[in-house]
Amino acid sequence: QVQLVESGGGLVQAGESLRLSCVISGSRYTINVMAWYRQPPGQSREFLAGVSSGGITTYGDHAKVRFTISRDDAKNAVYLQVNSLKPEDTAVYYCNADIYNDDPWEHWGQGTQVTVSS
């Protein structure tokens, strides 16, 4: 059973940085895409960034400037560096893993809360 465990969230001050981590376990196959999403209070979940098994990164409109995604296949981990945090970054941040040979192929973590105070 594939499990994703996020860490690194918490309460931070505006202007600070943080690094979210997600460790993915239990997969028998290559993890094709690792990604991060977030869900602000009262809003729908939005795509932030993804990185393929070949190292190609993609960023959503909200994450093109202050966010950096990276993956470590030796650790089956994906990271999200967020700089210059703003109160509007307050959200639950979710890790996602797409494993195309698996059924189901889409897997989610339980989420980690990030709260940015002004």
C-alpha atoms as a PDB file:
ATOM      1  CA  GLN A   1       0.000   0.000   0.000  1.00  0.00           C
ATOM      2  CA  VAL A   2       1.394   3.359  -1.042  1.00  0.00           C
ATOM      3  CA  GLN A   3       1.673   5.890   1.752  1.00  0.00           C
ATOM      4  CA  LEU A   4       2.669   9.540   1.622  1.00  0.00           C
ATOM      5  CA  VAL A   5       3.686  11.374   4.760  1.00  0.00           C
ATOM      6  CA  GLU A   6       4.185  15.130   4.697  1.00  0.00           C
ATOM      7  CA  SER A   7       6.129  17.141   7.230  1.00  0.00           C
ATOM      8  CA  GLY A   8       7.500  20.641   7.677  1.00  0.00           C
ATOM      9  CA  GLY A   9       4.319  22.657   8.069  1.00  0.00           C
ATOM     10  CA  GLY A  10       3.481  24.920  10.963  1.00  0.00           C
ATOM     11  CA  LEU A  11       3.052  28.533  11.988  1.00  0.00           C
ATOM     12  CA  VAL A  12       5.491  30.958  10.372  1.00  0.00           C
ATOM     13  CA  GLN A  13       5.873  34.708  10.058  1.00  0.00           C
ATOM     14  CA  ALA A  14       5.360  36.512   6.790  1.00  0.00           C
ATOM     15  CA  GLY A  15       8.635  36.825   4.922  1.00  0.00           C
ATOM     16  CA  GLU A  16      10.082  33.612   6.292  1.00  0.00           C
ATOM     17  CA  SER A  17      10.811  30.469   4.342  1.00  0.00           C
ATOM     18  CA  LEU A  18       9.970  26.857   4.911  1.00  0.00           C
ATOM     19  CA  ARG A  19      10.638  23.505   3.332  1.00  0.00           C
ATOM     20  CA  LEU A  20       7.980  20.865   3.126  1.00  0.00           C
ATOM     21  CA  SER A  21       8.958  17.228   2.831  1.00  0.00           C
ATOM     22  CA  CYS A  22       7.037  14.192   1.685  1.00  0.00           C
ATOM     23  CA  VAL A  23       8.238  10.617   1.941  1.00  0.00           C
ATOM     24  CA  ILE A  24       6.538   8.041  -0.254  1.00  0.00           C
ATOM     25  CA  SER A  25       6.622   4.397   0.743  1.00  0.00           C
ATOM     26  CA  GLY A  26       5.145   1.129  -0.417  1.00  0.00           C
ATOM     27  CA  SER A  27       5.388   1.589  -4.172  1.00  0.00           C
ATOM     28  CA  ARG A  28       6.545  -1.329  -6.304  1.00  0.00           C
ATOM     29  CA  TYR A  29       6.839   0.858  -9.371  1.00  0.00           C
ATOM     30  CA  THR A  30       8.586   3.990 -10.461  1.00  0.00           C
ATOM     31  CA  ILE A  31       6.874   7.080  -9.140  1.00  0.00           C
ATOM     32  CA  ASN A  32       6.199   8.895 -12.384  1.00  0.00           C
ATOM     33  CA  VAL A  33       5.245  12.279 -10.993  1.00  0.00           C
ATOM     34  CA  MET A  34       5.631  13.763  -7.525  1.00  0.00           C
ATOM     35  CA  ALA A  35       3.704  16.936  -6.909  1.00  0.00           C
ATOM     36  CA  TRP A  36       2.473  19.442  -4.367  1.00  0.00           C
ATOM     37  CA  TYR A  37      -0.985  20.955  -4.116  1.00  0.00           C
ATOM     38  CA  ARG A  38      -2.565  23.217  -1.554  1.00  0.00           C
ATOM     39  CA  GLN A  39      -6.048  24.062  -0.358  1.00  0.00           C
ATOM     40  CA  PRO A  40      -6.544  27.496   1.201  1.00  0.00           C
ATOM     41  CA  PRO A  41      -9.426  27.929   3.662  1.00  0.00           C
ATOM     42  CA  GLY A  42     -12.766  27.920   1.866  1.00  0.00           C
ATOM     43  CA  GLN A  43     -11.178  27.312  -1.530  1.00  0.00           C
ATOM     44  CA  SER A  44     -10.607  24.348  -3.803  1.00  0.00           C
ATOM     45  CA  ARG A  45      -7.368  22.447  -4.053  1.00  0.00           C
ATOM     46  CA  GLU A  46      -4.841  23.990  -6.441  1.00  0.00           C
ATOM     47  CA  PHE A  47      -1.785  22.635  -8.197  1.00  0.00           C
ATOM     48  CA  LEU A  48       1.524  24.139  -7.139  1.00  0.00           C
ATOM     49  CA  ALA A  49       4.332  22.128  -8.684  1.00  0.00           C
ATOM     50  CA  GLY A  50       5.243  18.740 -10.066  1.00  0.00           C
ATOM     51  CA  VAL A  51       8.429  16.915 -10.972  1.00  0.00           C
ATOM     52  CA  SER A  52       8.631  13.909 -13.276  1.00  0.00           C
ATOM     53  CA  SER A  53      10.850  10.867 -12.896  1.00  0.00           C
ATOM     54  CA  GLY A  54      13.017  12.462 -15.574  1.00  0.00           C
ATOM     55  CA  GLY A  55      13.468  15.618 -13.549  1.00  0.00           C
ATOM     56  CA  ILE A  56      11.163  17.871 -15.541  1.00  0.00           C
ATOM     57  CA  THR A  57       9.469  20.422 -13.315  1.00  0.00           C
ATOM     58  CA  THR A  58       6.150  22.168 -13.836  1.00  0.00           C
ATOM     59  CA  TYR A  59       4.754  25.024 -11.790  1.00  0.00           C
ATOM     60  CA  GLY A  60       1.254  26.320 -11.374  1.00  0.00           C
ATOM     61  CA  ASP A  61       0.431  29.991 -11.687  1.00  0.00           C
ATOM     62  CA  HIS A  62       0.624  30.502  -7.916  1.00  0.00           C
ATOM     63  CA  ALA A  63       4.061  28.946  -7.604  1.00  0.00           C
ATOM     64  CA  LYS A  64       6.214  30.253 -10.428  1.00  0.00           C
ATOM     65  CA  VAL A  65       8.264  32.729  -8.399  1.00  0.00           C
ATOM     66  CA  ARG A  66       8.714  31.747  -4.745  1.00  0.00           C
ATOM     67  CA  PHE A  67       8.343  27.963  -4.893  1.00  0.00           C
ATOM     68  CA  THR A  68      10.896  25.296  -5.802  1.00  0.00           C
ATOM     69  CA  ILE A  69      10.152  21.599  -6.072  1.00  0.00           C
ATOM     70  CA  SER A  70      12.766  18.871  -5.940  1.00  0.00           C
ATOM     71  CA  ARG A  71      12.825  15.106  -5.593  1.00  0.00           C
ATOM     72  CA  ASP A  72      15.264  12.574  -4.213  1.00  0.00           C
ATOM     73  CA  ASP A  73      14.592   9.170  -5.718  1.00  0.00           C
ATOM     74  CA  ALA A  74      17.059   7.474  -3.410  1.00  0.00           C
ATOM     75  CA  LYS A  75      14.834   8.517  -0.521  1.00  0.00           C
ATOM     76  CA  ASN A  76      11.523   8.389  -2.420  1.00  0.00           C
ATOM     77  CA  ALA A  77      11.003  11.938  -1.276  1.00  0.00           C
ATOM     78  CA  VAL A  78       9.789  15.186  -2.719  1.00  0.00           C
ATOM     79  CA  TYR A  79      10.362  18.641  -1.289  1.00  0.00           C
ATOM     80  CA  LEU A  80       8.813  22.052  -1.676  1.00  0.00           C
ATOM     81  CA  GLN A  81      10.840  25.109  -0.771  1.00  0.00           C
ATOM     82  CA  VAL A  82       8.701  28.198  -0.245  1.00  0.00           C
ATOM     83  CA  ASN A  83      10.362  31.581   0.179  1.00  0.00           C
ATOM     84  CA  SER A  84       9.046  34.960   1.271  1.00  0.00           C
ATOM     85  CA  LEU A  85       5.872  33.495   2.703  1.00  0.00           C
ATOM     86  CA  LYS A  86       2.713  35.582   2.610  1.00  0.00           C
ATOM     87  CA  PRO A  87      -0.501  35.303   4.648  1.00  0.00           C
ATOM     88  CA  GLU A  88      -2.270  34.167   1.476  1.00  0.00           C
ATOM     89  CA  ASP A  89      -0.010  31.109   1.439  1.00  0.00           C
ATOM     90  CA  THR A  90      -1.966  29.840   4.444  1.00  0.00           C
ATOM     91  CA  ALA A  91      -3.367  26.476   3.396  1.00  0.00           C
ATOM     92  CA  VAL A  92      -3.216  22.745   3.837  1.00  0.00           C
ATOM     93  CA  TYR A  93      -0.415  21.483   1.625  1.00  0.00           C
ATOM     94  CA  TYR A  94      -0.792  18.054   0.060  1.00  0.00           C
ATOM     95  CA  CYS A  95       1.756  15.725  -1.464  1.00  0.00           C
ATOM     96  CA  ASN A  96       0.729  13.747  -4.538  1.00  0.00           C
ATOM     97  CA  ALA A  97       2.303  10.770  -6.277  1.00  0.00           C
ATOM     98  CA  ASP A  98       1.247   9.502  -9.706  1.00  0.00           C
ATOM     99  CA  ILE A  99       2.288   5.898 -10.328  1.00  0.00           C
ATOM    100  CA  TYR A 100       1.008   4.958 -13.767  1.00  0.00           C
ATOM    101  CA  ASN A 101       1.584   1.194 -13.376  1.00  0.00           C
ATOM    102  CA  ASP A 102      -0.401   1.151 -10.157  1.00  0.00           C
ATOM    103  CA  ASP A 103      -4.154   0.864  -9.627  1.00  0.00           C
ATOM    104  CA  PRO A 104      -5.231   3.309  -8.422  1.00  0.00           C
ATOM    105  CA  TRP A 105      -2.477   5.376  -9.947  1.00  0.00           C
ATOM    106  CA  GLU A 106      -3.033   8.574  -7.977  1.00  0.00           C
ATOM    107  CA  HIS A 107      -2.019   8.782  -4.318  1.00  0.00           C
ATOM    108  CA  TRP A 108      -2.322  11.549  -1.737  1.00  0.00           C
ATOM    109  CA  GLY A 109      -0.881  12.402   1.625  1.00  0.00           C
ATOM    110  CA  GLN A 110      -2.982  13.541   4.557  1.00  0.00           C
ATOM    111  CA  GLY A 111      -1.817  17.131   4.242  1.00  0.00           C
ATOM    112  CA  THR A 112       0.202  19.461   6.420  1.00  0.00           C
ATOM    113  CA  GLN A 113      -1.079  22.820   7.641  1.00  0.00           C
ATOM    114  CA  VAL A 114       0.909  25.948   6.885  1.00  0.00           C
ATOM    115  CA  THR A 115      -0.228  29.120   8.598  1.00  0.00           C
ATOM    116  CA  VAL A 116       1.454  32.417   7.802  1.00  0.00           C
ATOM    117  CA  SER A 117       0.931  35.275  10.213  1.00  0.00           C
ATOM    118  CA  SER A 118       1.367  38.896   9.203  1.00  0.00           C
END
